[in-house]
Amino acid sequence: MKYLIAAALLATTVVGFAPIADAAGGCGRGYHRGPYGECRPNVVIRRPPVYVVRPPVVYRPAPVVVVPRARICPRGMVWYAGRCRY
């Protein structure tokens, strides 16, 4: 019986000297100690994923070419400087 009591006493002494790992620093679950000792919430910052999207290919229709109508002057006259002249 005295060996059992001695073992229990030894066990409690060893457990009493063992450091207890307290990751939260006494702040509780979801919090941690800040640089000045205050409790801060654990915040996970997640950046949105980056998607690379090619711009759509746009086929433009061919431009419409308008050719001005040829100026026709009466016989004996010539088109010169924007009007018919002799």
PDB file of N, CA and C in Angstrom:
ATOM      1  N   MET A   1       0.821  -1.185   0.000  1.00  0.00           N
ATOM      2  CA  MET A   1       0.000   0.000   0.000  1.00  0.00           C
ATOM      3  C   MET A   1       0.866   1.251   0.000  1.00  0.00           C
ATOM      4  N   LYS A   2       1.969   1.207   0.765  1.00  0.00           N
ATOM      5  CA  LYS A   2       2.796   2.401   0.794  1.00  0.00           C
ATOM      6  C   LYS A   2       3.481   2.648  -0.546  1.00  0.00           C
ATOM      7  N   TYR A   3       3.687   1.566  -1.359  1.00  0.00           N
ATOM      8  CA  TYR A   3       4.251   1.771  -2.699  1.00  0.00           C
ATOM      9  C   TYR A   3       3.244   2.479  -3.619  1.00  0.00           C
ATOM     10  N   LEU A   4       2.002   2.175  -3.454  1.00  0.00           N
ATOM     11  CA  LEU A   4       0.947   2.815  -4.244  1.00  0.00           C
ATOM     12  C   LEU A   4       0.839   4.300  -3.884  1.00  0.00           C
ATOM     13  N   ILE A   5       0.924   4.622  -2.611  1.00  0.00           N
ATOM     14  CA  ILE A   5       0.858   6.021  -2.184  1.00  0.00           C
ATOM     15  C   ILE A   5       2.099   6.771  -2.657  1.00  0.00           C
ATOM     16  N   ALA A   6       3.258   6.121  -2.575  1.00  0.00           N
ATOM     17  CA  ALA A   6       4.493   6.759  -3.032  1.00  0.00           C
ATOM     18  C   ALA A   6       4.448   6.995  -4.542  1.00  0.00           C
ATOM     19  N   ALA A   7       3.894   6.039  -5.303  1.00  0.00           N
ATOM     20  CA  ALA A   7       3.772   6.205  -6.756  1.00  0.00           C
ATOM     21  C   ALA A   7       2.813   7.346  -7.097  1.00  0.00           C
ATOM     22  N   ALA A   8       1.706   7.458  -6.371  1.00  0.00           N
ATOM     23  CA  ALA A   8       0.739   8.532  -6.615  1.00  0.00           C
ATOM     24  C   ALA A   8       1.347   9.885  -6.276  1.00  0.00           C
ATOM     25  N   LEU A   9       2.105   9.948  -5.179  1.00  0.00           N
ATOM     26  CA  LEU A   9       2.745  11.186  -4.788  1.00  0.00           C
ATOM     27  C   LEU A   9       3.795  11.598  -5.806  1.00  0.00           C
ATOM     28  N   LEU A  10       4.558  10.623  -6.291  1.00  0.00           N
ATOM     29  CA  LEU A  10       5.569  10.907  -7.311  1.00  0.00           C
ATOM     30  C   LEU A  10       4.924  11.366  -8.628  1.00  0.00           C
ATOM     31  N   ALA A  11       3.825  10.736  -8.998  1.00  0.00           N
ATOM     32  CA  ALA A  11       3.138  11.092 -10.242  1.00  0.00           C
ATOM     33  C   ALA A  11       2.588  12.519 -10.180  1.00  0.00           C
ATOM     34  N   THR A  12       1.997  12.891  -9.057  1.00  0.00           N
ATOM     35  CA  THR A  12       1.457  14.244  -8.953  1.00  0.00           C
ATOM     36  C   THR A  12       2.564  15.287  -8.898  1.00  0.00           C
ATOM     37  N   THR A  13       3.709  14.920  -8.320  1.00  0.00           N
ATOM     38  CA  THR A  13       4.838  15.848  -8.281  1.00  0.00           C
ATOM     39  C   THR A  13       5.399  16.073  -9.679  1.00  0.00           C
ATOM     40  N   VAL A  14       5.540  14.994 -10.455  1.00  0.00           N
ATOM     41  CA  VAL A  14       6.070  15.118 -11.823  1.00  0.00           C
ATOM     42  C   VAL A  14       5.097  15.891 -12.703  1.00  0.00           C
ATOM     43  N   VAL A  15       3.827  15.620 -12.559  1.00  0.00           N
ATOM     44  CA  VAL A  15       2.831  16.321 -13.365  1.00  0.00           C
ATOM     45  C   VAL A  15       2.780  17.789 -12.966  1.00  0.00           C
ATOM     46  N   GLY A  16       2.999  18.111 -11.730  1.00  0.00           N
ATOM     47  CA  GLY A  16       2.975  19.487 -11.280  1.00  0.00           C
ATOM     48  C   GLY A  16       4.121  20.315 -11.837  1.00  0.00           C
ATOM     49  N   PHE A  17       5.267  19.692 -12.092  1.00  0.00           N
ATOM     50  CA  PHE A  17       6.401  20.425 -12.648  1.00  0.00           C
ATOM     51  C   PHE A  17       6.404  20.489 -14.171  1.00  0.00           C
ATOM     52  N   ALA A  18       5.612  19.662 -14.826  1.00  0.00           N
ATOM     53  CA  ALA A  18       5.583  19.638 -16.296  1.00  0.00           C
ATOM     54  C   ALA A  18       4.892  20.900 -16.799  1.00  0.00           C
ATOM     55  N   PRO A  19       5.489  21.563 -17.762  1.00  0.00           N
ATOM     56  CA  PRO A  19       4.830  22.767 -18.295  1.00  0.00           C
ATOM     57  C   PRO A  19       3.599  22.393 -19.122  1.00  0.00           C
ATOM     58  N   ILE A  20       2.592  23.181 -18.992  1.00  0.00           N
ATOM     59  CA  ILE A  20       1.355  22.940 -19.733  1.00  0.00           C
ATOM     60  C   ILE A  20       1.384  23.833 -20.966  1.00  0.00           C
ATOM     61  N   ALA A  21       1.208  23.222 -22.111  1.00  0.00           N
ATOM     62  CA  ALA A  21       1.218  23.983 -23.366  1.00  0.00           C
ATOM     63  C   ALA A  21      -0.136  24.667 -23.537  1.00  0.00           C
ATOM     64  N   ASP A  22      -0.128  25.974 -23.487  1.00  0.00           N
ATOM     65  CA  ASP A  22      -1.346  26.752 -23.670  1.00  0.00           C
ATOM     66  C   ASP A  22      -1.161  27.605 -24.919  1.00  0.00           C
ATOM     67  N   ALA A  23      -1.647  27.109 -26.028  1.00  0.00           N
ATOM     68  CA  ALA A  23      -1.408  27.784 -27.306  1.00  0.00           C
ATOM     69  C   ALA A  23      -2.146  29.112 -27.395  1.00  0.00           C
ATOM     70  N   ALA A  24      -3.305  29.189 -26.773  1.00  0.00           N
ATOM     71  CA  ALA A  24      -4.098  30.414 -26.879  1.00  0.00           C
ATOM     72  C   ALA A  24      -3.605  31.501 -25.937  1.00  0.00           C
ATOM     73  N   GLY A  25      -2.750  31.167 -24.991  1.00  0.00           N
ATOM     74  CA  GLY A  25      -2.240  32.176 -24.064  1.00  0.00           C
ATOM     75  C   GLY A  25      -3.294  32.640 -23.087  1.00  0.00           C
ATOM     76  N   GLY A  26      -4.313  31.816 -22.855  1.00  0.00           N
ATOM     77  CA  GLY A  26      -5.354  32.183 -21.907  1.00  0.00           C
ATOM     78  C   GLY A  26      -6.477  32.987 -22.521  1.00  0.00           C
ATOM     79  N   CYS A  27      -6.483  33.169 -23.805  1.00  0.00           N
ATOM     80  CA  CYS A  27      -7.515  33.985 -24.455  1.00  0.00           C
ATOM     81  C   CYS A  27      -8.756  33.180 -24.818  1.00  0.00           C
ATOM     82  N   GLY A  28      -8.627  31.881 -24.960  1.00  0.00           N
ATOM     83  CA  GLY A  28      -9.770  31.067 -25.339  1.00  0.00           C
ATOM     84  C   GLY A  28      -9.661  30.615 -26.778  1.00  0.00           C
ATOM     85  N   ARG A  29     -10.614  29.781 -27.152  1.00  0.00           N
ATOM     86  CA  ARG A  29     -10.578  29.198 -28.485  1.00  0.00           C
ATOM     87  C   ARG A  29     -10.875  30.256 -29.556  1.00  0.00           C
ATOM     88  N   GLY A  30     -10.047  30.291 -30.587  1.00  0.00           N
ATOM     89  CA  GLY A  30     -10.245  31.245 -31.678  1.00  0.00           C
ATOM     90  C   GLY A  30      -9.574  32.589 -31.457  1.00  0.00           C
ATOM     91  N   TYR A  31      -8.806  32.726 -30.362  1.00  0.00           N
ATOM     92  CA  TYR A  31      -8.117  33.980 -30.052  1.00  0.00           C
ATOM     93  C   TYR A  31      -6.659  33.695 -29.718  1.00  0.00           C
ATOM     94  N   HIS A  32      -5.823  34.706 -29.836  1.00  0.00           N
ATOM     95  CA  HIS A  32      -4.408  34.583 -29.476  1.00  0.00           C
ATOM     96  C   HIS A  32      -3.942  35.898 -28.857  1.00  0.00           C
ATOM     97  N   ARG A  33      -2.775  35.849 -28.238  1.00  0.00           N
ATOM     98  CA  ARG A  33      -2.226  37.051 -27.625  1.00  0.00           C
ATOM     99  C   ARG A  33      -1.549  37.924 -28.675  1.00  0.00           C
ATOM    100  N   GLY A  34      -1.780  39.220 -28.587  1.00  0.00           N
ATOM    101  CA  GLY A  34      -1.138  40.167 -29.482  1.00  0.00           C
ATOM    102  C   GLY A  34       0.216  40.581 -28.932  1.00  0.00           C
ATOM    103  N   PRO A  35       0.925  41.482 -29.628  1.00  0.00           N
ATOM    104  CA  PRO A  35       2.248  41.883 -29.168  1.00  0.00           C
ATOM    105  C   PRO A  35       2.228  42.649 -27.845  1.00  0.00           C
ATOM    106  N   TYR A  36       1.106  43.251 -27.489  1.00  0.00           N
ATOM    107  CA  TYR A  36       1.021  43.996 -26.231  1.00  0.00           C
ATOM    108  C   TYR A  36       0.206  43.251 -25.177  1.00  0.00           C
ATOM    109  N   GLY A  37      -0.081  41.963 -25.418  1.00  0.00           N
ATOM    110  CA  GLY A  37      -0.757  41.145 -24.427  1.00  0.00           C
ATOM    111  C   GLY A  37      -2.265  41.098 -24.540  1.00  0.00           C
ATOM    112  N   GLU A  38      -2.868  41.817 -25.454  1.00  0.00           N
ATOM    113  CA  GLU A  38      -4.317  41.786 -25.586  1.00  0.00           C
ATOM    114  C   GLU A  38      -4.733  40.561 -26.405  1.00  0.00           C
ATOM    115  N   CYS A  39      -5.967  40.143 -26.231  1.00  0.00           N
ATOM    116  CA  CYS A  39      -6.490  38.993 -26.979  1.00  0.00           C
ATOM    117  C   CYS A  39      -7.016  39.467 -28.322  1.00  0.00           C
ATOM    118  N   ARG A  40      -6.577  38.780 -29.375  1.00  0.00           N
ATOM    119  CA  ARG A  40      -7.011  39.117 -30.733  1.00  0.00           C
ATOM    120  C   ARG A  40      -7.639  37.889 -31.380  1.00  0.00           C
ATOM    121  N   PRO A  41      -8.659  38.093 -32.226  1.00  0.00           N
ATOM    122  CA  PRO A  41      -9.259  36.932 -32.896  1.00  0.00           C
ATOM    123  C   PRO A  41      -8.324  36.400 -33.982  1.00  0.00           C
ATOM    124  N   ASN A  42      -8.365  35.083 -34.157  1.00  0.00           N
ATOM    125  CA  ASN A  42      -7.600  34.477 -35.241  1.00  0.00           C
ATOM    126  C   ASN A  42      -8.349  34.734 -36.544  1.00  0.00           C
ATOM    127  N   VAL A  43      -7.712  35.432 -37.461  1.00  0.00           N
ATOM    128  CA  VAL A  43      -8.335  35.788 -38.737  1.00  0.00           C
ATOM    129  C   VAL A  43      -7.517  35.157 -39.838  1.00  0.00           C
ATOM    130  N   VAL A  44      -8.193  34.433 -40.709  1.00  0.00           N
ATOM    131  CA  VAL A  44      -7.527  33.837 -41.862  1.00  0.00           C
ATOM    132  C   VAL A  44      -7.906  34.666 -43.074  1.00  0.00           C
ATOM    133  N   ILE A  45      -6.899  35.244 -43.719  1.00  0.00           N
ATOM    134  CA  ILE A  45      -7.143  36.063 -44.906  1.00  0.00           C
ATOM    135  C   ILE A  45      -6.905  35.185 -46.121  1.00  0.00           C
ATOM    136  N   ARG A  46      -7.948  34.984 -46.879  1.00  0.00           N
ATOM    137  CA  ARG A  46      -7.839  34.186 -48.099  1.00  0.00           C
ATOM    138  C   ARG A  46      -8.076  35.089 -49.289  1.00  0.00           C
ATOM    139  N   ARG A  47      -7.132  35.039 -50.197  1.00  0.00           N
ATOM    140  CA  ARG A  47      -7.280  35.846 -51.402  1.00  0.00           C
ATOM    141  C   ARG A  47      -8.104  35.070 -52.421  1.00  0.00           C
ATOM    142  N   PRO A  48      -8.924  35.780 -53.198  1.00  0.00           N
ATOM    143  CA  PRO A  48      -9.709  35.067 -54.204  1.00  0.00           C
ATOM    144  C   PRO A  48      -8.789  34.508 -55.285  1.00  0.00           C
ATOM    145  N   PRO A  49      -9.182  33.412 -55.887  1.00  0.00           N
ATOM    146  CA  PRO A  49      -8.336  32.845 -56.944  1.00  0.00           C
ATOM    147  C   PRO A  49      -8.289  33.764 -58.158  1.00  0.00           C
ATOM    148  N   VAL A  50      -7.196  33.704 -58.873  1.00  0.00           N
ATOM    149  CA  VAL A  50      -7.006  34.536 -60.053  1.00  0.00           C
ATOM    150  C   VAL A  50      -7.327  33.701 -61.284  1.00  0.00           C
ATOM    151  N   TYR A  51      -8.262  34.156 -62.061  1.00  0.00           N
ATOM    152  CA  TYR A  51      -8.631  33.479 -63.290  1.00  0.00           C
ATOM    153  C   TYR A  51      -8.135  34.304 -64.462  1.00  0.00           C
ATOM    154  N   VAL A  52      -7.446  33.654 -65.383  1.00  0.00           N
ATOM    155  CA  VAL A  52      -6.965  34.335 -66.571  1.00  0.00           C
ATOM    156  C   VAL A  52      -7.942  34.002 -67.692  1.00  0.00           C
ATOM    157  N   VAL A  53      -8.585  35.033 -68.214  1.00  0.00           N
ATOM    158  CA  VAL A  53      -9.589  34.844 -69.253  1.00  0.00           C
ATOM    159  C   VAL A  53      -9.113  35.558 -70.500  1.00  0.00           C
ATOM    160  N   ARG A  54      -9.085  34.830 -71.585  1.00  0.00           N
ATOM    161  CA  ARG A  54      -8.701  35.461 -72.851  1.00  0.00           C
ATOM    162  C   ARG A  54      -9.826  36.370 -73.327  1.00  0.00           C
ATOM    163  N   PRO A  55      -9.461  37.495 -73.932  1.00  0.00           N
ATOM    164  CA  PRO A  55     -10.527  38.355 -74.464  1.00  0.00           C
ATOM    165  C   PRO A  55     -11.200  37.662 -75.650  1.00  0.00           C
ATOM    166  N   PRO A  56     -12.486  37.878 -75.825  1.00  0.00           N
ATOM    167  CA  PRO A  56     -13.168  37.223 -76.940  1.00  0.00           C
ATOM    168  C   PRO A  56     -12.674  37.776 -78.272  1.00  0.00           C
ATOM    169  N   VAL A  57     -12.634  36.895 -79.250  1.00  0.00           N
ATOM    170  CA  VAL A  57     -12.209  37.302 -80.588  1.00  0.00           C
ATOM    171  C   VAL A  57     -13.413  37.899 -81.293  1.00  0.00           C
ATOM    172  N   VAL A  58     -13.280  39.149 -81.712  1.00  0.00           N
ATOM    173  CA  VAL A  58     -14.380  39.843 -82.381  1.00  0.00           C
ATOM    174  C   VAL A  58     -14.024  39.997 -83.841  1.00  0.00           C
ATOM    175  N   TYR A  59     -14.840  39.418 -84.677  1.00  0.00           N
ATOM    176  CA  TYR A  59     -14.642  39.571 -86.113  1.00  0.00           C
ATOM    177  C   TYR A  59     -15.485  40.742 -86.576  1.00  0.00           C
ATOM    178  N   ARG A  60     -14.809  41.767 -87.019  1.00  0.00           N
ATOM    179  CA  ARG A  60     -15.514  42.954 -87.478  1.00  0.00           C
ATOM    180  C   ARG A  60     -15.838  42.798 -88.960  1.00  0.00           C
ATOM    181  N   PRO A  61     -17.009  43.247 -89.371  1.00  0.00           N
ATOM    182  CA  PRO A  61     -17.323  43.161 -90.792  1.00  0.00           C
ATOM    183  C   PRO A  61     -16.431  44.130 -91.584  1.00  0.00           C
ATOM    184  N   ALA A  62     -16.227  43.785 -92.826  1.00  0.00           N
ATOM    185  CA  ALA A  62     -15.395  44.626 -93.684  1.00  0.00           C
ATOM    186  C   ALA A  62     -16.046  45.999 -93.828  1.00  0.00           C
ATOM    187  N   PRO A  63     -15.234  47.054 -93.854  1.00  0.00           N
ATOM    188  CA  PRO A  63     -15.820  48.392 -93.999  1.00  0.00           C
ATOM    189  C   PRO A  63     -16.461  48.560 -95.380  1.00  0.00           C
ATOM    190  N   VAL A  64     -17.509  49.363 -95.399  1.00  0.00           N
ATOM    191  CA  VAL A  64     -18.214  49.628 -96.643  1.00  0.00           C
ATOM    192  C   VAL A  64     -17.475  50.747 -97.367  1.00  0.00           C
ATOM    193  N   VAL A  65     -17.073  50.465 -98.588  1.00  0.00           N
ATOM    194  CA  VAL A  65     -16.349  51.458 -99.383  1.00  0.00           C
ATOM    195  C   VAL A  65     -17.331  52.110-100.330  1.00  0.00           C
ATOM    196  N   VAL A  66     -17.437  53.419-100.208  1.00  0.00           N
ATOM    197  CA  VAL A  66     -18.347  54.164-101.069  1.00  0.00           C
ATOM    198  C   VAL A  66     -17.496  54.926-102.073  1.00  0.00           C
ATOM    199  N   VAL A  67     -17.677  54.602-103.322  1.00  0.00           N
ATOM    200  CA  VAL A  67     -16.931  55.267-104.392  1.00  0.00           C
ATOM    201  C   VAL A  67     -17.811  56.377-104.936  1.00  0.00           C
ATOM    202  N   PRO A  68     -17.316  57.617-104.949  1.00  0.00           N
ATOM    203  CA  PRO A  68     -18.148  58.701-105.482  1.00  0.00           C
ATOM    204  C   PRO A  68     -18.429  58.503-106.977  1.00  0.00           C
ATOM    205  N   ARG A  69     -19.589  58.933-107.334  1.00  0.00           N
ATOM    206  CA  ARG A  69     -19.984  58.796-108.735  1.00  0.00           C
ATOM    207  C   ARG A  69     -19.129  59.701-109.603  1.00  0.00           C
ATOM    208  N   ALA A  70     -18.742  59.200-110.741  1.00  0.00           N
ATOM    209  CA  ALA A  70     -17.889  59.990-111.641  1.00  0.00           C
ATOM    210  C   ALA A  70     -18.668  61.200-112.161  1.00  0.00           C
ATOM    211  N   ARG A  71     -17.976  62.319-112.238  1.00  0.00           N
ATOM    212  CA  ARG A  71     -18.606  63.525-112.743  1.00  0.00           C
ATOM    213  C   ARG A  71     -18.591  63.464-114.270  1.00  0.00           C
ATOM    214  N   ILE A  72     -19.727  63.692-114.807  1.00  0.00           N
ATOM    215  CA  ILE A  72     -19.804  63.689-116.269  1.00  0.00           C
ATOM    216  C   ILE A  72     -20.135  65.103-116.727  1.00  0.00           C
ATOM    217  N   CYS A  73     -19.225  65.632-117.495  1.00  0.00           N
ATOM    218  CA  CYS A  73     -19.418  66.988-118.021  1.00  0.00           C
ATOM    219  C   CYS A  73     -19.898  66.889-119.482  1.00  0.00           C
ATOM    220  N   PRO A  74     -20.603  67.912-119.954  1.00  0.00           N
ATOM    221  CA  PRO A  74     -21.017  67.904-121.363  1.00  0.00           C
ATOM    222  C   PRO A  74     -19.797  67.902-122.282  1.00  0.00           C
ATOM    223  N   ARG A  75     -19.998  67.592-123.564  1.00  0.00           N
ATOM    224  CA  ARG A  75     -18.890  67.552-124.510  1.00  0.00           C
ATOM    225  C   ARG A  75     -18.239  68.903-124.631  1.00  0.00           C
ATOM    226  N   GLY A  76     -16.916  68.822-124.652  1.00  0.00           N
ATOM    227  CA  GLY A  76     -16.158  70.051-124.785  1.00  0.00           C
ATOM    228  C   GLY A  76     -15.793  70.670-123.440  1.00  0.00           C
ATOM    229  N   MET A  77     -16.263  70.104-122.346  1.00  0.00           N
ATOM    230  CA  MET A  77     -15.938  70.643-121.028  1.00  0.00           C
ATOM    231  C   MET A  77     -15.124  69.598-120.251  1.00  0.00           C
ATOM    232  N   VAL A  78     -14.371  70.066-119.257  1.00  0.00           N
ATOM    233  CA  VAL A  78     -13.509  69.207-118.453  1.00  0.00           C
ATOM    234  C   VAL A  78     -13.808  69.465-116.983  1.00  0.00           C
ATOM    235  N   TRP A  79     -13.786  68.411-116.190  1.00  0.00           N
ATOM    236  CA  TRP A  79     -13.964  68.562-114.743  1.00  0.00           C
ATOM    237  C   TRP A  79     -12.666  69.065-114.163  1.00  0.00           C
ATOM    238  N   TYR A  80     -12.661  70.253-113.581  1.00  0.00           N
ATOM    239  CA  TYR A  80     -11.450  70.840-113.040  1.00  0.00           C
ATOM    240  C   TYR A  80     -11.830  71.711-111.851  1.00  0.00           C
ATOM    241  N   ALA A  81     -11.139  71.531-110.741  1.00  0.00           N
ATOM    242  CA  ALA A  81     -11.307  72.329-109.531  1.00  0.00           C
ATOM    243  C   ALA A  81     -12.750  72.307-109.032  1.00  0.00           C
ATOM    244  N   GLY A  82     -13.369  71.132-109.099  1.00  0.00           N
ATOM    245  CA  GLY A  82     -14.684  70.959-108.520  1.00  0.00           C
ATOM    246  C   GLY A  82     -15.855  71.382-109.382  1.00  0.00           C
ATOM    247  N   ARG A  83     -15.616  71.687-110.669  1.00  0.00           N
ATOM    248  CA  ARG A  83     -16.741  71.986-111.543  1.00  0.00           C
ATOM    249  C   ARG A  83     -16.339  71.792-113.010  1.00  0.00           C
ATOM    250  N   CYS A  84     -17.323  71.814-113.864  1.00  0.00           N
ATOM    251  CA  CYS A  84     -17.080  71.639-115.304  1.00  0.00           C
ATOM    252  C   CYS A  84     -16.588  72.972-115.884  1.00  0.00           C
ATOM    253  N   ARG A  85     -15.492  72.925-116.653  1.00  0.00           N
ATOM    254  CA  ARG A  85     -14.909  74.129-117.257  1.00  0.00           C
ATOM    255  C   ARG A  85     -14.612  73.866-118.720  1.00  0.00           C
ATOM    256  N   TYR A  86     -14.449  74.973-119.449  1.00  0.00           N
ATOM    257  CA  TYR A  86     -14.103  74.848-120.871  1.00  0.00           C
ATOM    258  C   TYR A  86     -12.669  74.580-121.063  1.00  0.00           C
TER     259      TYR A  86
END
